[in-house]
Structures are given as structure tokens and as C-alpha cells.
Amino acid sequence: MAIYGSLSDLPAPEILTMLANRTGVLRVEAAVPSRWRRYELHLDRDFLTALYVDERALNDVMLVRDAFRTLVDLQEGSFAFENAAASQLGAAMRLPVKQLVLSTATAIDELAQYRRRFPHPDIVFQLRQPVAEHLPGDLELFYLRAEAHLMRGCSAAELAGILYLSVEEVQLQFYKLRAAGRLVPVRSYAREAREAAWTAPSRRPHLLARLRESLARLGRGQR
């Protein structure tokens, strides 16, 4: 038995609740910023066993959570569900759907809280130095994937394309790293590096200080 309809009438969280005891494939088509996106969820009762976005399989937990956050937040689009045997479904994962929905709601609230503090996605940021200690929650997963790119410096928009994450997800993780004093804008980082080099013991004296010293020696020579 097929079930289909519009996301404007039945949002994704309610669809997933309705399908909690069913096994099959849920397909969602919706317009997201600048593109039309297709989702395919393989559901085995209360578990997500595979997720495809635009026919690309997502096997990384962080990618799945980010895609789920976008999916749950959709307000316009269409959906269709078809029953299928468990043996016909993908088996890349086995994540509890209810837990995914709850964690997604938390992530949406977190984004709403900090979104106004996000800088422009094209601003380039860089790590001060590699992070040695463990980071909390999803920030650790993000850092492990992003470290090499952040050491050279990159923007949220660029990194989102590299890691296949949404720009807002990258901006949120950037915000957390900045709050911890780990990430700085490239221009700010370059200025700090110059100032540190300027005050280093081996640095030649400032031009004004050298000029004053030369004038003092000249004065002593005229006495």
C-alpha cells in the first residue's frame, strides 16, 4: 500500500511517526535553497537502515544527522512511501528514527539560537594550532574531518562543499571552535602572527626606537 502527500499538509516528523511500524522506502522531493533535492529513506520499522540524498548514499553519522536536520525542517515538497521487505532495503546503518528526530529538533533549536552570530559563509578562517584534547559531541567528529582544511584556512562555504555538509552546519561548528579560541579569521590570524614576530627577542628594534637611539648617539658625539 502506497502512502503519498504534501509536506505542507504533513511535515516529515509526523510522517516518520506514522510510519514507525512499517517497513519500506520513503521518498521525499523538496526545494531547498538554490536546488531541488531528493531524499530516499529505507525504514525497517523504527530504524533507518539507509539514506540517499540525490542518489548519493550517506554512510557517515554526521552526514546523516545533517541531512536529517534539513529534511525534518522542510515545509514544502512531496513524499511517497511504498512497503518493501526488509531484505530489499539497504543495510548501511541501523539508527533509531525517534532518536534521530529528537536530536534533530535539538540541532534546529541550537542553530536558531546562534544563527544571527554566524559570520558571512565566505569569510576564511584558520586554526591557531592543532587541537590536542578531545572536543565535545559532534564537534570532535567535525574537527577530525576538517582539521587539514582548517590548518591551511578555508571558508564555511568551501568546507561545506568539501565535506558534503550544509553551510549552516559548518557555520555552527565554526562558531563553537571560535568560542573555544581555536579558530580565527585569516586576516586576524596574520596580524597576530606579525605582532608576535615583532615582539620576539630576535626582532630588530622598531624604526622609531632605532631613530631615537641614533639621535642620542649623535647628541653624545657633539658634546
N, C-alpha and C. Protein backbone atom coordinates (compact mmCIF):
# COMPACT_ATOMS: atom_id res chain seq x y z
N MET A 1 0.84 -1.20 0.00
CA MET A 1 0.00 0.00 0.00
C MET A 1 0.88 1.25 0.00
N ALA A 2 0.68 2.12 -0.98
CA ALA A 2 1.46 3.35 -1.08
C ALA A 2 0.79 4.47 -0.30
N ILE A 3 1.62 5.30 0.31
CA ILE A 3 1.14 6.48 1.04
C ILE A 3 1.87 7.68 0.45
N TYR A 4 1.15 8.71 0.08
CA TYR A 4 1.80 9.88 -0.51
C TYR A 4 1.04 11.14 -0.11
N GLY A 5 1.71 12.29 -0.28
CA GLY A 5 1.07 13.54 0.07
C GLY A 5 2.04 14.71 0.00
N SER A 6 1.67 15.80 0.65
CA SER A 6 2.46 17.04 0.62
C SER A 6 3.04 17.34 2.00
N LEU A 7 4.27 17.85 2.03
CA LEU A 7 4.90 18.21 3.29
C LEU A 7 4.21 19.40 3.95
N SER A 8 3.52 20.21 3.17
CA SER A 8 2.80 21.34 3.74
C SER A 8 1.60 20.87 4.56
N ASP A 9 1.09 19.69 4.24
CA ASP A 9 -0.03 19.11 5.00
C ASP A 9 0.46 18.20 6.12
N LEU A 10 1.57 17.51 5.87
CA LEU A 10 2.08 16.54 6.84
C LEU A 10 3.60 16.66 6.87
N PRO A 11 4.18 17.35 7.87
CA PRO A 11 5.63 17.53 7.92
C PRO A 11 6.36 16.21 8.18
N ALA A 12 7.65 16.21 7.89
CA ALA A 12 8.45 14.99 7.97
C ALA A 12 8.40 14.29 9.33
N PRO A 13 8.48 15.00 10.48
CA PRO A 13 8.42 14.29 11.76
C PRO A 13 7.12 13.50 11.94
N GLU A 14 6.01 14.06 11.48
CA GLU A 14 4.72 13.35 11.59
C GLU A 14 4.67 12.16 10.63
N ILE A 15 5.28 12.32 9.46
CA ILE A 15 5.32 11.20 8.51
C ILE A 15 6.10 10.04 9.12
N LEU A 16 7.24 10.34 9.71
CA LEU A 16 8.08 9.30 10.30
C LEU A 16 7.38 8.63 11.48
N THR A 17 6.64 9.41 12.25
CA THR A 17 5.87 8.83 13.36
C THR A 17 4.79 7.89 12.83
N MET A 18 4.14 8.30 11.76
CA MET A 18 3.08 7.50 11.16
C MET A 18 3.62 6.18 10.60
N LEU A 19 4.89 6.22 10.14
CA LEU A 19 5.48 5.03 9.52
C LEU A 19 6.29 4.19 10.50
N ALA A 20 6.16 4.47 11.78
CA ALA A 20 7.01 3.84 12.79
C ALA A 20 6.96 2.32 12.76
N ASN A 21 5.83 1.73 12.46
CA ASN A 21 5.70 0.27 12.48
C ASN A 21 5.72 -0.36 11.09
N ARG A 22 6.16 0.43 10.10
CA ARG A 22 6.17 -0.07 8.73
C ARG A 22 7.59 -0.30 8.23
N THR A 23 7.71 -1.12 7.23
CA THR A 23 8.99 -1.39 6.59
C THR A 23 8.86 -1.08 5.11
N GLY A 24 9.75 -0.23 4.61
CA GLY A 24 9.67 0.16 3.21
C GLY A 24 10.56 1.34 2.89
N VAL A 25 10.25 2.01 1.78
CA VAL A 25 11.07 3.12 1.29
C VAL A 25 10.24 4.40 1.26
N LEU A 26 10.75 5.45 1.91
CA LEU A 26 10.12 6.77 1.91
C LEU A 26 10.93 7.68 1.00
N ARG A 27 10.27 8.27 0.01
CA ARG A 27 10.93 9.20 -0.91
C ARG A 27 10.34 10.60 -0.72
N VAL A 28 11.22 11.57 -0.60
CA VAL A 28 10.82 12.96 -0.39
C VAL A 28 11.50 13.83 -1.45
N GLU A 29 10.73 14.69 -2.09
CA GLU A 29 11.28 15.67 -3.03
C GLU A 29 10.90 17.06 -2.56
N ALA A 30 11.89 17.93 -2.46
CA ALA A 30 11.62 19.26 -1.93
C ALA A 30 12.63 20.26 -2.46
N ALA A 31 12.22 21.51 -2.51
CA ALA A 31 13.10 22.59 -2.92
C ALA A 31 13.82 23.12 -1.69
N VAL A 32 15.14 23.07 -1.71
CA VAL A 32 15.97 23.69 -0.67
C VAL A 32 16.68 24.85 -1.34
N PRO A 33 17.32 25.76 -0.57
CA PRO A 33 17.95 26.93 -1.18
C PRO A 33 18.82 26.57 -2.39
N SER A 34 18.48 27.14 -3.52
CA SER A 34 19.23 27.08 -4.79
C SER A 34 19.19 25.72 -5.49
N ARG A 35 18.39 24.76 -5.00
CA ARG A 35 18.36 23.47 -5.69
C ARG A 35 17.12 22.66 -5.32
N TRP A 36 16.84 21.64 -6.13
CA TRP A 36 15.77 20.69 -5.86
C TRP A 36 16.42 19.42 -5.35
N ARG A 37 15.99 18.93 -4.21
CA ARG A 37 16.67 17.81 -3.56
C ARG A 37 15.75 16.62 -3.38
N ARG A 38 16.32 15.42 -3.56
CA ARG A 38 15.56 14.18 -3.41
C ARG A 38 16.17 13.34 -2.27
N TYR A 39 15.31 12.90 -1.39
CA TYR A 39 15.72 12.04 -0.27
C TYR A 39 15.08 10.67 -0.43
N GLU A 40 15.82 9.65 -0.09
CA GLU A 40 15.28 8.29 -0.08
C GLU A 40 15.69 7.62 1.23
N LEU A 41 14.71 7.31 2.07
CA LEU A 41 14.95 6.72 3.38
C LEU A 41 14.48 5.27 3.38
N HIS A 42 15.34 4.35 3.77
CA HIS A 42 14.97 2.95 3.92
C HIS A 42 14.65 2.71 5.40
N LEU A 43 13.42 2.34 5.67
CA LEU A 43 12.94 2.23 7.04
C LEU A 43 12.54 0.79 7.36
N ASP A 44 13.09 0.27 8.44
CA ASP A 44 12.72 -1.05 8.93
C ASP A 44 12.07 -0.85 10.30
N ARG A 45 10.78 -0.65 10.28
CA ARG A 45 10.01 -0.32 11.48
C ARG A 45 10.56 0.96 12.12
N ASP A 46 11.17 0.87 13.29
CA ASP A 46 11.62 2.08 13.98
C ASP A 46 13.06 2.46 13.66
N PHE A 47 13.64 1.87 12.61
CA PHE A 47 15.05 2.12 12.33
C PHE A 47 15.27 2.60 10.90
N LEU A 48 16.25 3.50 10.76
CA LEU A 48 16.72 3.94 9.45
C LEU A 48 17.88 3.05 9.06
N THR A 49 17.77 2.34 7.95
CA THR A 49 18.83 1.42 7.55
C THR A 49 19.67 1.94 6.38
N ALA A 50 19.17 2.95 5.67
CA ALA A 50 19.94 3.56 4.59
C ALA A 50 19.33 4.93 4.27
N LEU A 51 20.18 5.84 3.82
CA LEU A 51 19.71 7.18 3.45
C LEU A 51 20.46 7.63 2.20
N TYR A 52 19.71 8.05 1.21
CA TYR A 52 20.28 8.57 -0.04
C TYR A 52 19.78 10.01 -0.24
N VAL A 53 20.70 10.88 -0.59
CA VAL A 53 20.35 12.26 -0.93
C VAL A 53 20.82 12.51 -2.35
N ASP A 54 19.88 12.81 -3.23
CA ASP A 54 20.20 12.96 -4.66
C ASP A 54 20.96 11.73 -5.17
N GLU A 55 20.51 10.56 -4.75
CA GLU A 55 21.05 9.25 -5.15
C GLU A 55 22.43 8.97 -4.58
N ARG A 56 22.92 9.83 -3.71
CA ARG A 56 24.22 9.60 -3.07
C ARG A 56 24.00 8.98 -1.69
N ALA A 57 24.61 7.83 -1.46
CA ALA A 57 24.46 7.14 -0.18
C ALA A 57 25.25 7.86 0.91
N LEU A 58 24.60 8.10 2.04
CA LEU A 58 25.27 8.72 3.18
C LEU A 58 25.52 7.65 4.23
N ASN A 59 26.79 7.38 4.50
CA ASN A 59 27.15 6.33 5.46
C ASN A 59 27.81 6.89 6.71
N ASP A 60 28.12 8.17 6.71
CA ASP A 60 28.74 8.83 7.85
C ASP A 60 27.66 9.39 8.76
N VAL A 61 27.77 9.12 10.07
CA VAL A 61 26.74 9.54 11.02
C VAL A 61 26.53 11.05 10.99
N MET A 62 27.61 11.82 10.87
CA MET A 62 27.48 13.27 10.86
C MET A 62 26.73 13.75 9.62
N LEU A 63 27.00 13.12 8.48
CA LEU A 63 26.29 13.47 7.25
C LEU A 63 24.81 13.13 7.36
N VAL A 64 24.53 11.98 7.96
CA VAL A 64 23.14 11.56 8.13
C VAL A 64 22.39 12.53 9.02
N ARG A 65 22.98 12.93 10.13
CA ARG A 65 22.33 13.86 11.05
C ARG A 65 22.09 15.21 10.40
N ASP A 66 23.06 15.68 9.64
CA ASP A 66 22.91 16.97 8.97
C ASP A 66 21.80 16.91 7.92
N ALA A 67 21.78 15.83 7.13
CA ALA A 67 20.73 15.67 6.12
C ALA A 67 19.36 15.53 6.79
N PHE A 68 19.31 14.82 7.91
CA PHE A 68 18.06 14.62 8.62
C PHE A 68 17.55 15.96 9.16
N ARG A 69 18.47 16.81 9.62
CA ARG A 69 18.05 18.13 10.13
C ARG A 69 17.38 18.94 9.03
N THR A 70 17.97 18.93 7.84
CA THR A 70 17.37 19.65 6.72
C THR A 70 16.03 19.04 6.35
N LEU A 71 15.97 17.72 6.32
CA LEU A 71 14.74 17.02 5.96
C LEU A 71 13.60 17.33 6.92
N VAL A 72 13.89 17.24 8.21
CA VAL A 72 12.85 17.46 9.23
C VAL A 72 12.34 18.90 9.21
N ASP A 73 13.18 19.82 8.76
CA ASP A 73 12.82 21.24 8.77
C ASP A 73 12.10 21.67 7.49
N LEU A 74 11.95 20.77 6.52
CA LEU A 74 11.29 21.12 5.26
C LEU A 74 9.81 21.42 5.47
N GLN A 75 9.31 22.41 4.74
CA GLN A 75 7.90 22.79 4.85
C GLN A 75 7.15 22.68 3.52
N GLU A 76 7.90 22.58 2.43
CA GLU A 76 7.29 22.46 1.11
C GLU A 76 7.91 21.28 0.38
N GLY A 77 7.07 20.49 -0.30
CA GLY A 77 7.57 19.35 -1.05
C GLY A 77 6.56 18.23 -1.06
N SER A 78 6.95 17.09 -1.60
CA SER A 78 6.05 15.95 -1.66
C SER A 78 6.75 14.71 -1.12
N PHE A 79 5.95 13.72 -0.72
CA PHE A 79 6.51 12.47 -0.21
C PHE A 79 5.68 11.29 -0.72
N ALA A 80 6.33 10.13 -0.76
CA ALA A 80 5.65 8.89 -1.14
C ALA A 80 6.33 7.74 -0.43
N PHE A 81 5.53 6.84 0.13
CA PHE A 81 6.07 5.68 0.84
C PHE A 81 5.50 4.41 0.21
N GLU A 82 6.39 3.43 0.01
CA GLU A 82 5.99 2.14 -0.52
C GLU A 82 6.51 1.04 0.38
N ASN A 83 5.65 0.07 0.71
CA ASN A 83 6.07 -1.06 1.53
C ASN A 83 7.12 -1.89 0.78
N ALA A 84 8.02 -2.49 1.53
CA ALA A 84 9.05 -3.36 0.95
C ALA A 84 9.51 -4.33 2.02
N ALA A 85 10.02 -5.46 1.60
CA ALA A 85 10.57 -6.43 2.55
C ALA A 85 11.90 -5.93 3.08
N ALA A 86 12.23 -6.29 4.31
CA ALA A 86 13.48 -5.85 4.92
C ALA A 86 14.68 -6.27 4.08
N SER A 87 14.58 -7.41 3.41
CA SER A 87 15.68 -7.91 2.59
C SER A 87 15.93 -7.04 1.35
N GLN A 88 14.96 -6.20 0.99
CA GLN A 88 15.10 -5.32 -0.18
C GLN A 88 15.69 -3.97 0.17
N LEU A 89 15.87 -3.71 1.44
CA LEU A 89 16.37 -2.41 1.89
C LEU A 89 17.89 -2.39 1.98
N GLY A 90 18.45 -1.17 1.92
CA GLY A 90 19.87 -1.01 2.18
C GLY A 90 20.16 -1.29 3.64
N ALA A 91 21.41 -1.65 3.92
CA ALA A 91 21.78 -2.01 5.29
C ALA A 91 23.07 -1.32 5.71
N ALA A 92 23.20 -0.03 5.36
CA ALA A 92 24.42 0.71 5.68
C ALA A 92 24.48 1.11 7.15
N MET A 93 23.34 1.14 7.82
CA MET A 93 23.28 1.60 9.22
C MET A 93 22.03 1.03 9.86
N ARG A 94 21.91 1.29 11.13
CA ARG A 94 20.67 0.93 11.84
C ARG A 94 20.49 1.93 12.97
N LEU A 95 19.93 3.09 12.62
CA LEU A 95 19.78 4.19 13.57
C LEU A 95 18.32 4.34 13.97
N PRO A 96 18.03 4.46 15.27
CA PRO A 96 16.64 4.62 15.71
C PRO A 96 16.04 5.93 15.23
N VAL A 97 14.92 5.86 14.54
CA VAL A 97 14.31 7.04 13.93
C VAL A 97 13.88 8.06 14.98
N LYS A 98 13.27 7.60 16.07
CA LYS A 98 12.80 8.53 17.11
C LYS A 98 13.95 9.32 17.70
N GLN A 99 15.07 8.65 17.93
CA GLN A 99 16.24 9.33 18.48
C GLN A 99 16.79 10.35 17.49
N LEU A 100 16.78 10.01 16.20
CA LEU A 100 17.23 10.94 15.17
C LEU A 100 16.35 12.19 15.14
N VAL A 101 15.04 12.00 15.23
CA VAL A 101 14.11 13.14 15.20
C VAL A 101 14.34 14.04 16.42
N LEU A 102 14.52 13.44 17.59
CA LEU A 102 14.73 14.23 18.81
C LEU A 102 16.05 14.99 18.75
N SER A 103 17.12 14.33 18.33
CA SER A 103 18.41 15.01 18.25
C SER A 103 18.39 16.09 17.18
N THR A 104 17.62 15.86 16.12
CA THR A 104 17.48 16.85 15.05
C THR A 104 16.76 18.09 15.55
N ALA A 105 15.71 17.90 16.37
CA ALA A 105 14.98 19.03 16.94
C ALA A 105 15.92 19.87 17.81
N THR A 106 16.79 19.21 18.56
CA THR A 106 17.77 19.93 19.38
C THR A 106 18.73 20.73 18.51
N ALA A 107 19.18 20.12 17.40
CA ALA A 107 20.10 20.80 16.50
C ALA A 107 19.45 22.02 15.85
N ILE A 108 18.17 21.90 15.49
CA ILE A 108 17.44 23.02 14.89
C ILE A 108 17.33 24.18 15.88
N ASP A 109 17.05 23.86 17.14
CA ASP A 109 16.97 24.89 18.18
C ASP A 109 18.33 25.55 18.39
N GLU A 110 19.39 24.75 18.34
CA GLU A 110 20.74 25.29 18.51
C GLU A 110 21.10 26.24 17.38
N LEU A 111 20.75 25.86 16.17
CA LEU A 111 21.00 26.74 15.03
C LEU A 111 20.22 28.04 15.15
N ALA A 112 18.97 27.95 15.56
CA ALA A 112 18.15 29.15 15.70
C ALA A 112 18.74 30.09 16.75
N GLN A 113 19.35 29.52 17.79
CA GLN A 113 19.92 30.33 18.87
C GLN A 113 21.16 31.09 18.43
N TYR A 114 21.99 30.45 17.58
CA TYR A 114 23.28 31.04 17.23
C TYR A 114 23.35 31.61 15.81
N ARG A 115 22.34 31.38 15.00
CA ARG A 115 22.41 31.75 13.59
C ARG A 115 22.76 33.24 13.38
N ARG A 116 22.21 34.11 14.18
CA ARG A 116 22.46 35.55 13.99
C ARG A 116 23.92 35.93 14.29
N ARG A 117 24.65 35.03 14.94
CA ARG A 117 26.05 35.30 15.27
C ARG A 117 27.01 34.75 14.23
N PHE A 118 26.49 34.04 13.25
CA PHE A 118 27.35 33.46 12.23
C PHE A 118 27.89 34.55 11.32
N PRO A 119 29.19 34.55 11.03
CA PRO A 119 29.73 35.49 10.04
C PRO A 119 29.37 35.03 8.63
N HIS A 120 29.69 35.84 7.66
CA HIS A 120 29.38 35.50 6.26
C HIS A 120 30.08 34.19 5.90
N PRO A 121 29.39 33.30 5.17
CA PRO A 121 29.98 31.99 4.86
C PRO A 121 31.22 32.02 3.99
N ASP A 122 31.53 33.17 3.37
CA ASP A 122 32.71 33.25 2.52
C ASP A 122 33.95 33.75 3.26
N ILE A 123 33.81 34.12 4.53
CA ILE A 123 34.96 34.57 5.31
C ILE A 123 35.86 33.38 5.60
N VAL A 124 37.16 33.53 5.37
CA VAL A 124 38.11 32.44 5.56
C VAL A 124 38.61 32.42 7.00
N PHE A 125 38.57 31.22 7.61
CA PHE A 125 39.05 31.03 8.98
C PHE A 125 40.20 30.02 8.99
N GLN A 126 41.00 30.10 10.04
CA GLN A 126 42.16 29.22 10.15
C GLN A 126 42.37 28.84 11.61
N LEU A 127 42.88 27.63 11.83
CA LEU A 127 43.20 27.18 13.18
C LEU A 127 44.45 27.87 13.68
N ARG A 128 44.46 28.26 14.95
CA ARG A 128 45.67 28.80 15.55
C ARG A 128 46.75 27.72 15.60
N GLN A 129 46.33 26.51 16.01
CA GLN A 129 47.22 25.36 16.09
C GLN A 129 46.36 24.11 16.20
N PRO A 130 46.91 22.93 15.91
CA PRO A 130 46.11 21.70 16.03
C PRO A 130 45.56 21.52 17.44
N VAL A 131 44.37 20.97 17.54
CA VAL A 131 43.73 20.73 18.83
C VAL A 131 44.14 19.35 19.32
N ALA A 132 44.76 19.28 20.48
CA ALA A 132 45.26 18.01 21.02
C ALA A 132 44.22 17.30 21.88
N GLU A 133 43.42 18.08 22.63
CA GLU A 133 42.46 17.47 23.55
C GLU A 133 41.18 17.05 22.84
N HIS A 134 40.39 16.20 23.51
CA HIS A 134 39.11 15.77 22.96
C HIS A 134 38.11 16.92 22.98
N LEU A 135 37.28 16.98 21.96
CA LEU A 135 36.24 18.00 21.86
C LEU A 135 34.88 17.36 22.12
N PRO A 136 33.92 18.13 22.60
CA PRO A 136 32.62 17.54 22.95
C PRO A 136 31.76 17.19 21.75
N GLY A 137 31.05 16.05 21.86
CA GLY A 137 30.00 15.68 20.92
C GLY A 137 30.40 15.70 19.45
N ASP A 138 29.50 16.27 18.63
CA ASP A 138 29.70 16.30 17.18
C ASP A 138 30.89 17.17 16.77
N LEU A 139 31.32 18.06 17.66
CA LEU A 139 32.44 18.92 17.31
C LEU A 139 33.70 18.09 17.07
N GLU A 140 33.86 17.00 17.82
CA GLU A 140 35.01 16.12 17.64
C GLU A 140 34.97 15.47 16.24
N LEU A 141 33.79 14.98 15.84
CA LEU A 141 33.65 14.37 14.51
C LEU A 141 33.95 15.38 13.41
N PHE A 142 33.43 16.60 13.60
CA PHE A 142 33.66 17.65 12.61
C PHE A 142 35.15 17.99 12.52
N TYR A 143 35.79 18.14 13.68
CA TYR A 143 37.20 18.54 13.68
C TYR A 143 38.09 17.50 13.00
N LEU A 144 37.83 16.24 13.26
CA LEU A 144 38.64 15.18 12.66
C LEU A 144 38.58 15.23 11.15
N ARG A 145 37.44 15.59 10.60
CA ARG A 145 37.27 15.66 9.15
C ARG A 145 37.79 16.97 8.57
N ALA A 146 37.78 18.02 9.38
CA ALA A 146 38.06 19.36 8.85
C ALA A 146 39.47 19.87 9.15
N GLU A 147 40.21 19.18 10.03
CA GLU A 147 41.48 19.73 10.52
C GLU A 147 42.43 20.15 9.41
N ALA A 148 42.68 19.28 8.44
CA ALA A 148 43.65 19.60 7.39
C ALA A 148 43.25 20.84 6.61
N HIS A 149 41.96 21.01 6.37
CA HIS A 149 41.47 22.16 5.61
C HIS A 149 41.54 23.44 6.45
N LEU A 150 41.28 23.31 7.75
CA LEU A 150 41.30 24.47 8.62
C LEU A 150 42.73 24.92 8.93
N MET A 151 43.68 24.02 8.87
CA MET A 151 45.07 24.41 9.10
C MET A 151 45.56 25.33 7.99
N ARG A 152 45.12 25.10 6.77
CA ARG A 152 45.53 25.97 5.66
C ARG A 152 44.64 27.19 5.55
N GLY A 153 43.41 27.09 6.12
CA GLY A 153 42.45 28.18 6.06
C GLY A 153 41.41 27.96 4.99
N CYS A 154 40.13 28.06 5.35
CA CYS A 154 39.05 27.93 4.37
C CYS A 154 37.77 28.54 4.94
N SER A 155 36.81 28.78 4.06
CA SER A 155 35.55 29.37 4.46
C SER A 155 34.52 28.28 4.75
N ALA A 156 33.43 28.65 5.39
CA ALA A 156 32.35 27.70 5.68
C ALA A 156 31.74 27.20 4.37
N ALA A 157 31.58 28.08 3.40
CA ALA A 157 31.00 27.69 2.12
C ALA A 157 31.89 26.68 1.40
N GLU A 158 33.20 26.91 1.42
CA GLU A 158 34.14 25.99 0.76
C GLU A 158 34.15 24.64 1.47
N LEU A 159 34.23 24.66 2.80
CA LEU A 159 34.32 23.42 3.56
C LEU A 159 33.03 22.61 3.47
N ALA A 160 31.89 23.27 3.38
CA ALA A 160 30.62 22.57 3.23
C ALA A 160 30.62 21.74 1.95
N GLY A 161 31.17 22.29 0.87
CA GLY A 161 31.25 21.56 -0.38
C GLY A 161 32.22 20.39 -0.30
N ILE A 162 33.31 20.56 0.41
CA ILE A 162 34.32 19.50 0.54
C ILE A 162 33.79 18.33 1.38
N LEU A 163 33.10 18.65 2.48
CA LEU A 163 32.65 17.63 3.42
C LEU A 163 31.23 17.15 3.17
N TYR A 164 30.55 17.73 2.17
CA TYR A 164 29.16 17.39 1.84
C TYR A 164 28.21 17.68 3.02
N LEU A 165 28.49 18.75 3.74
CA LEU A 165 27.62 19.19 4.83
C LEU A 165 26.90 20.45 4.40
N SER A 166 25.82 20.81 5.12
CA SER A 166 25.15 22.08 4.84
C SER A 166 26.04 23.22 5.34
N VAL A 167 25.91 24.37 4.71
CA VAL A 167 26.71 25.53 5.10
C VAL A 167 26.42 25.91 6.56
N GLU A 168 25.15 25.83 6.96
CA GLU A 168 24.81 26.20 8.33
C GLU A 168 25.42 25.25 9.36
N GLU A 169 25.52 23.99 9.02
CA GLU A 169 26.16 23.03 9.94
C GLU A 169 27.63 23.40 10.14
N VAL A 170 28.32 23.74 9.05
CA VAL A 170 29.72 24.14 9.15
C VAL A 170 29.84 25.45 9.92
N GLN A 171 28.94 26.39 9.67
CA GLN A 171 28.98 27.66 10.40
C GLN A 171 28.79 27.45 11.90
N LEU A 172 27.92 26.51 12.26
CA LEU A 172 27.70 26.22 13.68
C LEU A 172 28.96 25.67 14.32
N GLN A 173 29.63 24.74 13.64
CA GLN A 173 30.86 24.17 14.19
C GLN A 173 31.98 25.21 14.21
N PHE A 174 32.03 26.09 13.22
CA PHE A 174 32.97 27.20 13.23
C PHE A 174 32.74 28.07 14.46
N TYR A 175 31.47 28.35 14.75
CA TYR A 175 31.13 29.19 15.90
C TYR A 175 31.65 28.56 17.20
N LYS A 176 31.48 27.25 17.33
CA LYS A 176 31.93 26.55 18.54
C LYS A 176 33.45 26.60 18.67
N LEU A 177 34.15 26.39 17.56
CA LEU A 177 35.61 26.44 17.59
C LEU A 177 36.11 27.86 17.88
N ARG A 178 35.42 28.85 17.37
CA ARG A 178 35.80 30.24 17.65
C ARG A 178 35.55 30.58 19.11
N ALA A 179 34.42 30.11 19.66
CA ALA A 179 34.12 30.36 21.06
C ALA A 179 35.17 29.74 21.98
N ALA A 180 35.78 28.64 21.53
CA ALA A 180 36.83 27.98 22.31
C ALA A 180 38.20 28.59 22.05
N GLY A 181 38.24 29.63 21.22
CA GLY A 181 39.51 30.30 20.94
C GLY A 181 40.42 29.54 20.01
N ARG A 182 39.87 28.60 19.25
CA ARG A 182 40.69 27.76 18.37
C ARG A 182 40.74 28.27 16.94
N LEU A 183 39.73 28.99 16.53
CA LEU A 183 39.59 29.38 15.13
C LEU A 183 39.51 30.90 15.04
N VAL A 184 40.23 31.46 14.09
CA VAL A 184 40.23 32.92 13.91
C VAL A 184 40.16 33.26 12.43
N PRO A 185 39.64 34.45 12.09
CA PRO A 185 39.68 34.88 10.69
C PRO A 185 41.11 34.96 10.21
N VAL A 186 41.36 34.68 8.96
CA VAL A 186 42.73 34.64 8.43
C VAL A 186 43.44 35.97 8.61
N ARG A 187 42.76 37.09 8.35
CA ARG A 187 43.41 38.40 8.50
C ARG A 187 43.80 38.65 9.94
N SER A 188 42.90 38.28 10.86
CA SER A 188 43.21 38.43 12.28
C SER A 188 44.38 37.55 12.67
N TYR A 189 44.41 36.34 12.14
CA TYR A 189 45.49 35.40 12.46
C TYR A 189 46.81 35.93 11.93
N ALA A 190 46.80 36.48 10.71
CA ALA A 190 48.02 37.02 10.12
C ALA A 190 48.54 38.21 10.94
N ARG A 191 47.60 39.06 11.41
CA ARG A 191 48.01 40.21 12.20
C ARG A 191 48.64 39.78 13.51
N GLU A 192 48.02 38.77 14.18
CA GLU A 192 48.57 38.27 15.43
C GLU A 192 49.95 37.67 15.23
N ALA A 193 50.13 36.98 14.11
CA ALA A 193 51.43 36.38 13.82
C ALA A 193 52.49 37.46 13.62
N ARG A 194 52.11 38.54 12.93
CA ARG A 194 53.06 39.64 12.72
C ARG A 194 53.42 40.30 14.03
N GLU A 195 52.40 40.51 14.90
CA GLU A 195 52.65 41.14 16.19
C GLU A 195 53.54 40.28 17.06
N ALA A 196 53.31 38.96 17.01
CA ALA A 196 54.14 38.05 17.80
C ALA A 196 55.58 38.08 17.32
N ALA A 197 55.75 38.10 16.00
CA ALA A 197 57.10 38.16 15.44
C ALA A 197 57.78 39.48 15.78
N TRP A 198 56.99 40.55 15.81
CA TRP A 198 57.54 41.88 16.08
C TRP A 198 58.10 41.97 17.50
N THR A 199 57.43 41.30 18.43
CA THR A 199 57.84 41.37 19.84
C THR A 199 58.81 40.27 20.22
N ALA A 200 59.18 39.40 19.27
CA ALA A 200 60.12 38.32 19.57
C ALA A 200 61.49 38.92 19.87
N PRO A 201 62.30 38.27 20.76
CA PRO A 201 63.61 38.81 21.16
C PRO A 201 64.55 39.04 19.99
N SER A 202 64.47 38.21 18.96
CA SER A 202 65.39 38.33 17.85
C SER A 202 64.98 39.42 16.85
N ARG A 203 63.82 40.02 17.08
CA ARG A 203 63.32 41.02 16.14
C ARG A 203 64.13 42.31 16.24
N ARG A 204 64.42 42.93 15.10
CA ARG A 204 65.12 44.21 15.11
C ARG A 204 64.24 45.26 15.77
N PRO A 205 64.82 46.23 16.46
CA PRO A 205 64.03 47.26 17.14
C PRO A 205 63.11 47.99 16.17
N HIS A 206 62.04 48.51 16.69
CA HIS A 206 61.10 49.30 15.91
C HIS A 206 61.83 50.49 15.30
N LEU A 207 61.42 50.94 14.14
CA LEU A 207 62.08 52.05 13.43
C LEU A 207 62.19 53.28 14.30
N LEU A 208 61.12 53.65 15.02
CA LEU A 208 61.14 54.84 15.86
C LEU A 208 62.17 54.70 16.98
N ALA A 209 62.25 53.49 17.57
CA ALA A 209 63.22 53.26 18.64
C ALA A 209 64.64 53.36 18.09
N ARG A 210 64.88 52.83 16.92
CA ARG A 210 66.22 52.91 16.31
C ARG A 210 66.58 54.36 15.99
N LEU A 211 65.59 55.13 15.54
CA LEU A 211 65.83 56.53 15.21
C LEU A 211 66.20 57.32 16.46
N ARG A 212 65.47 57.07 17.56
CA ARG A 212 65.78 57.76 18.81
C ARG A 212 67.17 57.40 19.30
N GLU A 213 67.56 56.13 19.15
CA GLU A 213 68.89 55.70 19.58
C GLU A 213 69.97 56.38 18.75
N SER A 214 69.72 56.51 17.44
CA SER A 214 70.70 57.18 16.57
C SER A 214 70.84 58.65 16.93
N LEU A 215 69.72 59.32 17.23
CA LEU A 215 69.77 60.73 17.61
C LEU A 215 70.51 60.91 18.93
N ALA A 216 70.33 59.96 19.85
CA ALA A 216 71.00 60.04 21.14
C ALA A 216 72.50 59.91 20.95
N ARG A 217 72.92 58.98 20.10
CA ARG A 217 74.36 58.81 19.84
C ARG A 217 74.94 60.05 19.17
N LEU A 218 74.16 60.64 18.26
CA LEU A 218 74.61 61.85 17.58
C LEU A 218 74.80 62.98 18.56
N GLY A 219 73.86 63.10 19.50
CA GLY A 219 73.97 64.15 20.51
C GLY A 219 75.17 63.97 21.39
N ARG A 220 75.45 62.72 21.77
CA ARG A 220 76.62 62.47 22.61
C ARG A 220 77.90 62.77 21.86
N GLY A 221 77.92 62.55 20.54
CA GLY A 221 79.12 62.79 19.76
C GLY A 221 79.43 64.26 19.58
N GLN A 222 78.39 65.13 19.72
CA GLN A 222 78.61 66.57 19.53
C GLN A 222 79.04 67.26 20.79
N ARG A 223 79.02 66.53 21.91
CA ARG A 223 79.42 67.17 23.19
C ARG A 223 80.93 67.29 23.29
